[in-house]
Amino acid sequence: MKILGIDPGYAILGYGVIEKTGNRFIPCTYGSLTTHKDMPMPDRLELLYDGLREIIVSEEPEVASIEELYFNNNAKTAINVGQARGVAMLACIKSGLEIAEYTPLQIKQALVGYGRADKHQVQMMVKTILNLKEIPKPDDTADALAAAICHGHSCGNRLRMRQIQEKGALR
């Protein structure tokens, strides 16, 4: 299964595509889409949309895993990130991808086993799980890969639960 992970942002949008085969995760591509602070917001959103669509066409993921917003004290920033997140979701939907959403706490739990893990712990787990030489940069890229890995773990858990339920129903 190919999973596209997305860490939404309007200045930097992190992305990562991984392949899950059995219990192994293999990185396909990862990086970030960046917009310049002097660009009008509609142009920034268009750049993010077009960039994600290109990645989706090129990599052909089956599902997208998007980090839910973490709200801080700056309402303007939260609104702008929300717009970028909406554009990312639209690019996925228009490409026919199923979308899974995870909170930062769920992602940390899936990778580190502790929902309050710090950023460096998550980044080290991304590096280790994907057998990378270095922690992906910028941080948004590592966060996107973490979201993809989280979904890889979660969909496996859902599949196991479904199989257990089906076996129980057969008895």
N, C-alpha and C. Protein backbone atom coordinates (compact mmCIF):
# COMPACT_ATOMS: atom_id res chain seq x y z
N MET A 1 0.84 -1.17 0.00
CA MET A 1 0.00 0.00 0.00
C MET A 1 0.89 1.24 0.00
N LYS A 2 0.58 2.17 -0.87
CA LYS A 2 1.31 3.45 -0.92
C LYS A 2 0.50 4.50 -0.16
N ILE A 3 1.20 5.20 0.75
CA ILE A 3 0.55 6.18 1.61
C ILE A 3 1.22 7.54 1.43
N LEU A 4 0.43 8.56 1.18
CA LEU A 4 0.91 9.94 1.12
C LEU A 4 0.65 10.59 2.47
N GLY A 5 1.71 11.01 3.14
CA GLY A 5 1.58 11.75 4.39
C GLY A 5 1.71 13.23 4.12
N ILE A 6 0.89 14.03 4.80
CA ILE A 6 0.91 15.48 4.60
C ILE A 6 0.92 16.19 5.94
N ASP A 7 1.87 17.11 6.09
CA ASP A 7 1.90 18.02 7.23
C ASP A 7 1.52 19.38 6.67
N PRO A 8 0.26 19.83 6.87
CA PRO A 8 -0.20 21.03 6.21
C PRO A 8 0.43 22.31 6.74
N GLY A 9 0.68 23.21 5.84
CA GLY A 9 1.19 24.53 6.16
C GLY A 9 1.11 25.38 4.90
N TYR A 10 1.05 26.69 5.05
CA TYR A 10 0.96 27.55 3.87
C TYR A 10 2.32 28.10 3.46
N ALA A 11 3.27 28.17 4.37
CA ALA A 11 4.64 28.57 4.02
C ALA A 11 5.43 27.34 3.62
N ILE A 12 5.28 26.28 4.40
CA ILE A 12 5.93 24.99 4.11
C ILE A 12 4.91 23.89 4.34
N LEU A 13 4.68 23.11 3.30
CA LEU A 13 3.81 21.95 3.39
C LEU A 13 4.69 20.72 3.22
N GLY A 14 4.79 19.91 4.25
CA GLY A 14 5.60 18.70 4.17
C GLY A 14 4.81 17.57 3.54
N TYR A 15 5.51 16.74 2.76
CA TYR A 15 4.87 15.57 2.16
C TYR A 15 5.85 14.40 2.20
N GLY A 16 5.30 13.22 2.19
CA GLY A 16 6.11 12.02 2.12
C GLY A 16 5.26 10.87 1.65
N VAL A 17 5.80 10.12 0.70
CA VAL A 17 5.10 8.94 0.19
C VAL A 17 5.93 7.73 0.60
N ILE A 18 5.25 6.78 1.25
CA ILE A 18 5.90 5.56 1.67
C ILE A 18 5.12 4.36 1.14
N GLU A 19 5.82 3.26 1.01
CA GLU A 19 5.19 1.99 0.62
C GLU A 19 5.21 1.09 1.83
N LYS A 20 4.05 0.56 2.17
CA LYS A 20 3.97 -0.41 3.27
C LYS A 20 3.79 -1.78 2.66
N THR A 21 4.76 -2.65 2.93
CA THR A 21 4.71 -4.02 2.46
C THR A 21 4.88 -4.92 3.68
N GLY A 22 3.84 -5.62 4.05
CA GLY A 22 3.89 -6.42 5.28
C GLY A 22 4.08 -5.48 6.46
N ASN A 23 5.15 -5.69 7.21
CA ASN A 23 5.46 -4.82 8.34
C ASN A 23 6.57 -3.82 8.01
N ARG A 24 6.98 -3.76 6.75
CA ARG A 24 8.07 -2.88 6.34
C ARG A 24 7.53 -1.60 5.72
N PHE A 25 8.24 -0.51 5.99
CA PHE A 25 7.94 0.78 5.38
C PHE A 25 9.13 1.18 4.53
N ILE A 26 8.86 1.52 3.27
CA ILE A 26 9.92 1.92 2.36
C ILE A 26 9.62 3.33 1.86
N PRO A 27 10.58 4.27 2.01
CA PRO A 27 10.33 5.62 1.51
C PRO A 27 10.36 5.66 -0.02
N CYS A 28 9.40 6.33 -0.60
CA CYS A 28 9.35 6.51 -2.06
C CYS A 28 9.87 7.89 -2.43
N THR A 29 9.28 8.91 -1.85
CA THR A 29 9.73 10.28 -2.05
C THR A 29 9.25 11.12 -0.87
N TYR A 30 9.96 12.18 -0.61
CA TYR A 30 9.56 13.09 0.46
C TYR A 30 10.23 14.44 0.25
N GLY A 31 9.64 15.45 0.85
CA GLY A 31 10.17 16.80 0.72
C GLY A 31 9.15 17.81 1.21
N SER A 32 9.25 19.01 0.67
CA SER A 32 8.31 20.05 1.08
C SER A 32 8.00 20.96 -0.09
N LEU A 33 6.81 21.51 -0.04
CA LEU A 33 6.40 22.54 -0.99
C LEU A 33 6.46 23.85 -0.22
N THR A 34 7.14 24.82 -0.78
CA THR A 34 7.29 26.10 -0.08
C THR A 34 6.70 27.23 -0.90
N THR A 35 6.18 28.21 -0.18
CA THR A 35 5.66 29.41 -0.82
C THR A 35 6.37 30.62 -0.22
N HIS A 36 6.49 31.65 -0.99
CA HIS A 36 7.17 32.86 -0.53
C HIS A 36 6.21 33.76 0.23
N LYS A 37 6.70 34.35 1.30
CA LYS A 37 5.84 35.17 2.16
C LYS A 37 5.24 36.37 1.45
N ASP A 38 5.84 36.82 0.36
CA ASP A 38 5.31 37.98 -0.36
C ASP A 38 4.25 37.61 -1.40
N MET A 39 4.02 36.32 -1.59
CA MET A 39 2.99 35.89 -2.55
C MET A 39 1.60 36.12 -1.95
N PRO A 40 0.65 36.54 -2.76
CA PRO A 40 -0.74 36.64 -2.26
C PRO A 40 -1.23 35.24 -1.87
N MET A 41 -2.07 35.17 -0.85
CA MET A 41 -2.53 33.88 -0.34
C MET A 41 -3.17 33.00 -1.42
N PRO A 42 -4.02 33.52 -2.30
CA PRO A 42 -4.58 32.65 -3.34
C PRO A 42 -3.49 31.99 -4.21
N ASP A 43 -2.43 32.72 -4.50
CA ASP A 43 -1.34 32.16 -5.29
C ASP A 43 -0.58 31.08 -4.52
N ARG A 44 -0.42 31.30 -3.23
CA ARG A 44 0.25 30.31 -2.39
C ARG A 44 -0.56 29.01 -2.37
N LEU A 45 -1.88 29.15 -2.21
CA LEU A 45 -2.74 27.98 -2.16
C LEU A 45 -2.75 27.24 -3.49
N GLU A 46 -2.74 27.97 -4.57
CA GLU A 46 -2.69 27.34 -5.89
C GLU A 46 -1.39 26.57 -6.08
N LEU A 47 -0.29 27.14 -5.65
CA LEU A 47 1.01 26.47 -5.75
C LEU A 47 1.00 25.16 -4.95
N LEU A 48 0.43 25.19 -3.75
CA LEU A 48 0.35 23.98 -2.93
C LEU A 48 -0.53 22.92 -3.59
N TYR A 49 -1.67 23.35 -4.10
CA TYR A 49 -2.59 22.43 -4.77
C TYR A 49 -1.92 21.77 -5.97
N ASP A 50 -1.35 22.59 -6.84
CA ASP A 50 -0.71 22.07 -8.04
C ASP A 50 0.47 21.15 -7.69
N GLY A 51 1.24 21.53 -6.69
CA GLY A 51 2.38 20.71 -6.28
C GLY A 51 1.95 19.35 -5.75
N LEU A 52 0.92 19.34 -4.93
CA LEU A 52 0.42 18.06 -4.41
C LEU A 52 -0.16 17.19 -5.52
N ARG A 53 -0.88 17.81 -6.43
CA ARG A 53 -1.45 17.03 -7.54
C ARG A 53 -0.33 16.38 -8.36
N GLU A 54 0.76 17.10 -8.59
CA GLU A 54 1.89 16.52 -9.33
C GLU A 54 2.48 15.32 -8.60
N ILE A 55 2.63 15.44 -7.29
CA ILE A 55 3.18 14.34 -6.48
C ILE A 55 2.24 13.14 -6.54
N ILE A 56 0.95 13.39 -6.44
CA ILE A 56 -0.03 12.30 -6.47
C ILE A 56 -0.02 11.60 -7.83
N VAL A 57 0.04 12.36 -8.90
CA VAL A 57 0.08 11.77 -10.25
C VAL A 57 1.37 10.96 -10.43
N SER A 58 2.47 11.50 -9.95
CA SER A 58 3.77 10.85 -10.11
C SER A 58 3.90 9.58 -9.26
N GLU A 59 3.46 9.63 -8.02
CA GLU A 59 3.70 8.53 -7.07
C GLU A 59 2.54 7.54 -6.95
N GLU A 60 1.35 7.95 -7.35
CA GLU A 60 0.15 7.11 -7.31
C GLU A 60 -0.12 6.46 -5.95
N PRO A 61 -0.21 7.27 -4.88
CA PRO A 61 -0.55 6.69 -3.59
C PRO A 61 -2.01 6.22 -3.59
N GLU A 62 -2.33 5.34 -2.65
CA GLU A 62 -3.69 4.82 -2.54
C GLU A 62 -4.51 5.57 -1.50
N VAL A 63 -3.83 6.19 -0.55
CA VAL A 63 -4.49 6.86 0.56
C VAL A 63 -3.62 8.02 1.02
N ALA A 64 -4.27 9.03 1.60
CA ALA A 64 -3.54 10.17 2.16
C ALA A 64 -3.78 10.22 3.66
N SER A 65 -2.73 10.52 4.40
CA SER A 65 -2.79 10.67 5.84
C SER A 65 -2.40 12.11 6.16
N ILE A 66 -3.34 12.86 6.72
CA ILE A 66 -3.12 14.28 6.97
C ILE A 66 -3.18 14.57 8.46
N GLU A 67 -2.19 15.32 8.92
CA GLU A 67 -2.18 15.72 10.32
C GLU A 67 -3.26 16.76 10.57
N GLU A 68 -4.02 16.54 11.64
CA GLU A 68 -5.03 17.52 12.03
C GLU A 68 -4.33 18.75 12.60
N LEU A 69 -5.02 19.86 12.60
CA LEU A 69 -4.42 21.11 13.05
C LEU A 69 -4.22 21.14 14.54
N TYR A 70 -3.11 21.69 14.92
CA TYR A 70 -2.83 22.00 16.32
C TYR A 70 -2.98 23.50 16.43
N PHE A 71 -3.96 23.96 17.17
CA PHE A 71 -4.22 25.39 17.26
C PHE A 71 -3.33 26.05 18.29
N ASN A 72 -2.71 27.13 17.85
CA ASN A 72 -1.91 27.92 18.79
C ASN A 72 -2.67 29.22 19.09
N ASN A 73 -1.99 30.18 19.66
CA ASN A 73 -2.64 31.42 20.06
C ASN A 73 -2.87 32.40 18.92
N ASN A 74 -2.23 32.18 17.79
CA ASN A 74 -2.33 33.11 16.67
C ASN A 74 -3.45 32.67 15.73
N ALA A 75 -4.60 33.34 15.82
CA ALA A 75 -5.77 32.96 15.02
C ALA A 75 -5.51 33.11 13.52
N LYS A 76 -4.79 34.16 13.13
CA LYS A 76 -4.52 34.37 11.69
C LYS A 76 -3.71 33.21 11.13
N THR A 77 -2.70 32.77 11.87
CA THR A 77 -1.89 31.64 11.43
C THR A 77 -2.74 30.38 11.34
N ALA A 78 -3.57 30.15 12.34
CA ALA A 78 -4.43 28.96 12.35
C ALA A 78 -5.37 28.96 11.15
N ILE A 79 -5.93 30.12 10.82
CA ILE A 79 -6.83 30.21 9.67
C ILE A 79 -6.07 29.93 8.37
N ASN A 80 -4.89 30.51 8.22
CA ASN A 80 -4.10 30.29 7.02
C ASN A 80 -3.66 28.83 6.87
N VAL A 81 -3.26 28.21 7.98
CA VAL A 81 -2.89 26.79 7.94
C VAL A 81 -4.13 25.96 7.59
N GLY A 82 -5.28 26.35 8.13
CA GLY A 82 -6.53 25.66 7.81
C GLY A 82 -6.86 25.73 6.32
N GLN A 83 -6.57 26.88 5.71
CA GLN A 83 -6.80 27.01 4.27
C GLN A 83 -5.87 26.07 3.50
N ALA A 84 -4.62 26.01 3.91
CA ALA A 84 -3.66 25.12 3.25
C ALA A 84 -4.07 23.66 3.42
N ARG A 85 -4.57 23.34 4.61
CA ARG A 85 -5.02 21.97 4.88
C ARG A 85 -6.21 21.63 3.98
N GLY A 86 -7.12 22.59 3.82
CA GLY A 86 -8.27 22.38 2.95
C GLY A 86 -7.86 22.15 1.50
N VAL A 87 -6.90 22.92 1.05
CA VAL A 87 -6.39 22.76 -0.32
C VAL A 87 -5.73 21.39 -0.49
N ALA A 88 -4.99 20.95 0.54
CA ALA A 88 -4.34 19.63 0.48
C ALA A 88 -5.40 18.54 0.42
N MET A 89 -6.45 18.68 1.22
CA MET A 89 -7.52 17.69 1.20
C MET A 89 -8.23 17.68 -0.15
N LEU A 90 -8.46 18.86 -0.72
CA LEU A 90 -9.10 18.95 -2.03
C LEU A 90 -8.26 18.27 -3.10
N ALA A 91 -6.94 18.49 -3.08
CA ALA A 91 -6.05 17.84 -4.05
C ALA A 91 -6.15 16.33 -3.94
N CYS A 92 -6.24 15.83 -2.72
CA CYS A 92 -6.35 14.38 -2.51
C CYS A 92 -7.70 13.86 -2.99
N ILE A 93 -8.77 14.56 -2.62
CA ILE A 93 -10.11 14.14 -3.01
C ILE A 93 -10.26 14.14 -4.52
N LYS A 94 -9.79 15.21 -5.16
CA LYS A 94 -9.89 15.33 -6.62
C LYS A 94 -9.06 14.26 -7.33
N SER A 95 -8.09 13.69 -6.60
CA SER A 95 -7.25 12.63 -7.16
C SER A 95 -7.80 11.25 -6.82
N GLY A 96 -8.93 11.20 -6.14
CA GLY A 96 -9.56 9.93 -5.82
C GLY A 96 -8.98 9.21 -4.61
N LEU A 97 -8.24 9.93 -3.77
CA LEU A 97 -7.63 9.29 -2.61
C LEU A 97 -8.57 9.29 -1.41
N GLU A 98 -8.54 8.21 -0.67
CA GLU A 98 -9.19 8.16 0.63
C GLU A 98 -8.32 9.02 1.56
N ILE A 99 -8.95 9.70 2.52
CA ILE A 99 -8.19 10.55 3.44
C ILE A 99 -8.40 10.07 4.86
N ALA A 100 -7.29 9.90 5.57
CA ALA A 100 -7.31 9.58 6.99
C ALA A 100 -6.71 10.78 7.73
N GLU A 101 -7.30 11.14 8.86
CA GLU A 101 -6.82 12.28 9.63
C GLU A 101 -6.38 11.82 11.01
N TYR A 102 -5.24 12.34 11.46
CA TYR A 102 -4.69 11.97 12.75
C TYR A 102 -4.24 13.21 13.51
N THR A 103 -4.48 13.19 14.81
CA THR A 103 -4.00 14.29 15.65
C THR A 103 -2.51 14.12 15.90
N PRO A 104 -1.82 15.20 16.26
CA PRO A 104 -0.40 15.06 16.60
C PRO A 104 -0.19 14.01 17.71
N LEU A 105 -1.10 13.95 18.68
CA LEU A 105 -0.98 12.98 19.76
C LEU A 105 -1.06 11.55 19.22
N GLN A 106 -1.97 11.29 18.29
CA GLN A 106 -2.10 9.96 17.70
C GLN A 106 -0.85 9.57 16.91
N ILE A 107 -0.28 10.53 16.20
CA ILE A 107 0.92 10.27 15.41
C ILE A 107 2.09 9.94 16.34
N LYS A 108 2.25 10.73 17.38
CA LYS A 108 3.33 10.46 18.35
C LYS A 108 3.15 9.10 19.00
N GLN A 109 1.93 8.77 19.36
CA GLN A 109 1.63 7.48 19.98
C GLN A 109 2.00 6.34 19.04
N ALA A 110 1.65 6.48 17.77
CA ALA A 110 1.91 5.42 16.79
C ALA A 110 3.40 5.21 16.54
N LEU A 111 4.18 6.28 16.58
CA LEU A 111 5.60 6.16 16.27
C LEU A 111 6.46 5.89 17.49
N VAL A 112 6.17 6.57 18.58
CA VAL A 112 7.04 6.52 19.75
C VAL A 112 6.43 5.68 20.87
N GLY A 113 5.11 5.53 20.86
CA GLY A 113 4.45 4.80 21.93
C GLY A 113 4.05 5.70 23.08
N TYR A 114 4.24 7.00 22.88
CA TYR A 114 3.93 7.98 23.92
C TYR A 114 3.40 9.23 23.25
N GLY A 115 2.17 9.62 23.56
CA GLY A 115 1.52 10.75 22.89
C GLY A 115 2.11 12.11 23.19
N ARG A 116 2.94 12.19 24.21
CA ARG A 116 3.56 13.48 24.56
C ARG A 116 5.05 13.50 24.19
N ALA A 117 5.45 12.62 23.29
CA ALA A 117 6.85 12.57 22.86
C ALA A 117 7.26 13.91 22.26
N ASP A 118 8.54 14.23 22.35
CA ASP A 118 8.99 15.49 21.75
C ASP A 118 9.31 15.29 20.27
N LYS A 119 9.46 16.39 19.58
CA LYS A 119 9.67 16.40 18.13
C LYS A 119 10.88 15.56 17.73
N HIS A 120 11.97 15.67 18.49
CA HIS A 120 13.19 14.93 18.15
C HIS A 120 12.97 13.41 18.24
N GLN A 121 12.21 12.95 19.24
CA GLN A 121 11.93 11.53 19.36
C GLN A 121 11.16 11.02 18.14
N VAL A 122 10.18 11.79 17.69
CA VAL A 122 9.41 11.40 16.51
C VAL A 122 10.32 11.38 15.27
N GLN A 123 11.15 12.39 15.13
CA GLN A 123 12.05 12.45 13.99
C GLN A 123 13.03 11.27 13.97
N MET A 124 13.53 10.90 15.12
CA MET A 124 14.44 9.75 15.20
C MET A 124 13.72 8.45 14.83
N MET A 125 12.47 8.33 15.22
CA MET A 125 11.71 7.13 14.85
C MET A 125 11.43 7.09 13.35
N VAL A 126 11.15 8.24 12.76
CA VAL A 126 10.96 8.29 11.30
C VAL A 126 12.23 7.81 10.62
N LYS A 127 13.36 8.33 11.04
CA LYS A 127 14.66 7.94 10.48
C LYS A 127 14.89 6.44 10.63
N THR A 128 14.59 5.92 11.81
CA THR A 128 14.83 4.50 12.10
C THR A 128 13.87 3.60 11.32
N ILE A 129 12.59 3.91 11.37
CA ILE A 129 11.58 3.07 10.71
C ILE A 129 11.81 3.02 9.20
N LEU A 130 12.19 4.15 8.62
CA LEU A 130 12.39 4.21 7.16
C LEU A 130 13.82 3.90 6.74
N ASN A 131 14.67 3.60 7.73
CA ASN A 131 16.08 3.25 7.47
C ASN A 131 16.78 4.35 6.67
N LEU A 132 16.60 5.59 7.10
CA LEU A 132 17.22 6.74 6.44
C LEU A 132 18.56 7.06 7.09
N LYS A 133 19.45 7.66 6.34
CA LYS A 133 20.76 8.04 6.87
C LYS A 133 20.66 9.25 7.78
N GLU A 134 19.72 10.14 7.47
CA GLU A 134 19.55 11.38 8.24
C GLU A 134 18.07 11.62 8.51
N ILE A 135 17.82 12.47 9.50
CA ILE A 135 16.45 12.92 9.76
C ILE A 135 16.03 13.82 8.60
N PRO A 136 14.88 13.57 8.00
CA PRO A 136 14.43 14.42 6.89
C PRO A 136 14.25 15.86 7.33
N LYS A 137 14.65 16.78 6.49
CA LYS A 137 14.51 18.21 6.74
C LYS A 137 13.69 18.82 5.62
N PRO A 138 12.97 19.87 5.86
CA PRO A 138 12.71 20.50 7.14
C PRO A 138 11.84 19.63 8.03
N ASP A 139 11.57 20.10 9.24
CA ASP A 139 10.75 19.35 10.20
C ASP A 139 9.40 18.94 9.61
N ASP A 140 8.85 19.77 8.76
CA ASP A 140 7.54 19.50 8.15
C ASP A 140 7.57 18.21 7.33
N THR A 141 8.72 17.93 6.71
CA THR A 141 8.87 16.71 5.93
C THR A 141 8.86 15.49 6.83
N ALA A 142 9.60 15.56 7.93
CA ALA A 142 9.61 14.45 8.89
C ALA A 142 8.22 14.25 9.47
N ASP A 143 7.50 15.34 9.73
CA ASP A 143 6.14 15.24 10.27
C ASP A 143 5.19 14.58 9.27
N ALA A 144 5.36 14.87 7.98
CA ALA A 144 4.53 14.25 6.95
C ALA A 144 4.80 12.75 6.87
N LEU A 145 6.07 12.38 6.92
CA LEU A 145 6.41 10.95 6.91
C LEU A 145 5.86 10.26 8.15
N ALA A 146 5.89 10.95 9.28
CA ALA A 146 5.34 10.40 10.52
C ALA A 146 3.84 10.15 10.36
N ALA A 147 3.13 11.07 9.71
CA ALA A 147 1.70 10.89 9.48
C ALA A 147 1.44 9.67 8.60
N ALA A 148 2.28 9.48 7.59
CA ALA A 148 2.13 8.32 6.70
C ALA A 148 2.39 7.02 7.47
N ILE A 149 3.43 6.99 8.28
CA ILE A 149 3.75 5.80 9.08
C ILE A 149 2.61 5.51 10.06
N CYS A 150 2.09 6.56 10.67
CA CYS A 150 0.96 6.41 11.59
C CYS A 150 -0.20 5.70 10.91
N HIS A 151 -0.51 6.12 9.70
CA HIS A 151 -1.61 5.47 8.99
C HIS A 151 -1.26 4.02 8.66
N GLY A 152 -0.01 3.78 8.30
CA GLY A 152 0.41 2.41 8.03
C GLY A 152 0.20 1.51 9.23
N HIS A 153 0.51 2.00 10.41
CA HIS A 153 0.27 1.24 11.64
C HIS A 153 -1.22 1.10 11.90
N SER A 154 -1.96 2.18 11.73
CA SER A 154 -3.39 2.18 12.04
C SER A 154 -4.19 1.30 11.11
N CYS A 155 -3.88 1.33 9.82
CA CYS A 155 -4.67 0.51 8.89
C CYS A 155 -4.39 -0.96 9.13
N GLY A 156 -3.18 -1.29 9.56
CA GLY A 156 -2.88 -2.67 9.93
C GLY A 156 -3.67 -3.10 11.14
N ASN A 157 -3.81 -2.21 12.12
CA ASN A 157 -4.59 -2.51 13.31
C ASN A 157 -6.06 -2.68 12.96
N ARG A 158 -6.57 -1.81 12.07
CA ARG A 158 -7.97 -1.91 11.66
C ARG A 158 -8.23 -3.23 10.93
N LEU A 159 -7.28 -3.61 10.06
CA LEU A 159 -7.43 -4.85 9.31
C LEU A 159 -7.44 -6.05 10.26
N ARG A 160 -6.52 -6.06 11.24
CA ARG A 160 -6.48 -7.16 12.22
C ARG A 160 -7.79 -7.22 13.01
N MET A 161 -8.30 -6.06 13.42
CA MET A 161 -9.55 -6.03 14.18
C MET A 161 -10.70 -6.57 13.33
N ARG A 162 -10.75 -6.19 12.06
CA ARG A 162 -11.80 -6.67 11.16
C ARG A 162 -11.71 -8.19 11.01
N GLN A 163 -10.47 -8.71 10.86
CA GLN A 163 -10.29 -10.15 10.72
C GLN A 163 -10.73 -10.89 11.98
N ILE A 164 -10.41 -10.34 13.14
CA ILE A 164 -10.80 -10.94 14.41
C ILE A 164 -12.33 -10.95 14.52
N GLN A 165 -12.95 -9.82 14.16
CA GLN A 165 -14.41 -9.72 14.24
C GLN A 165 -15.07 -10.71 13.28
N GLU A 166 -14.51 -10.84 12.07
CA GLU A 166 -15.08 -11.76 11.10
C GLU A 166 -14.93 -13.21 11.56
N LYS A 167 -13.80 -13.55 12.14
CA LYS A 167 -13.61 -14.90 12.66
C LYS A 167 -14.60 -15.18 13.78
N GLY A 168 -14.82 -14.19 14.64
CA GLY A 168 -15.78 -14.34 15.73
C GLY A 168 -17.19 -14.52 15.21
N ALA A 169 -17.51 -13.85 14.11
CA ALA A 169 -18.85 -13.93 13.53
C ALA A 169 -19.07 -15.29 12.87
N LEU A 170 -17.98 -15.95 12.44
CA LEU A 170 -18.11 -17.23 11.78
C LEU A 170 -18.36 -18.37 12.78
N ARG A 171 -18.03 -18.15 14.02
CA ARG A 171 -18.17 -19.23 15.03
C ARG A 171 -19.56 -19.34 15.53
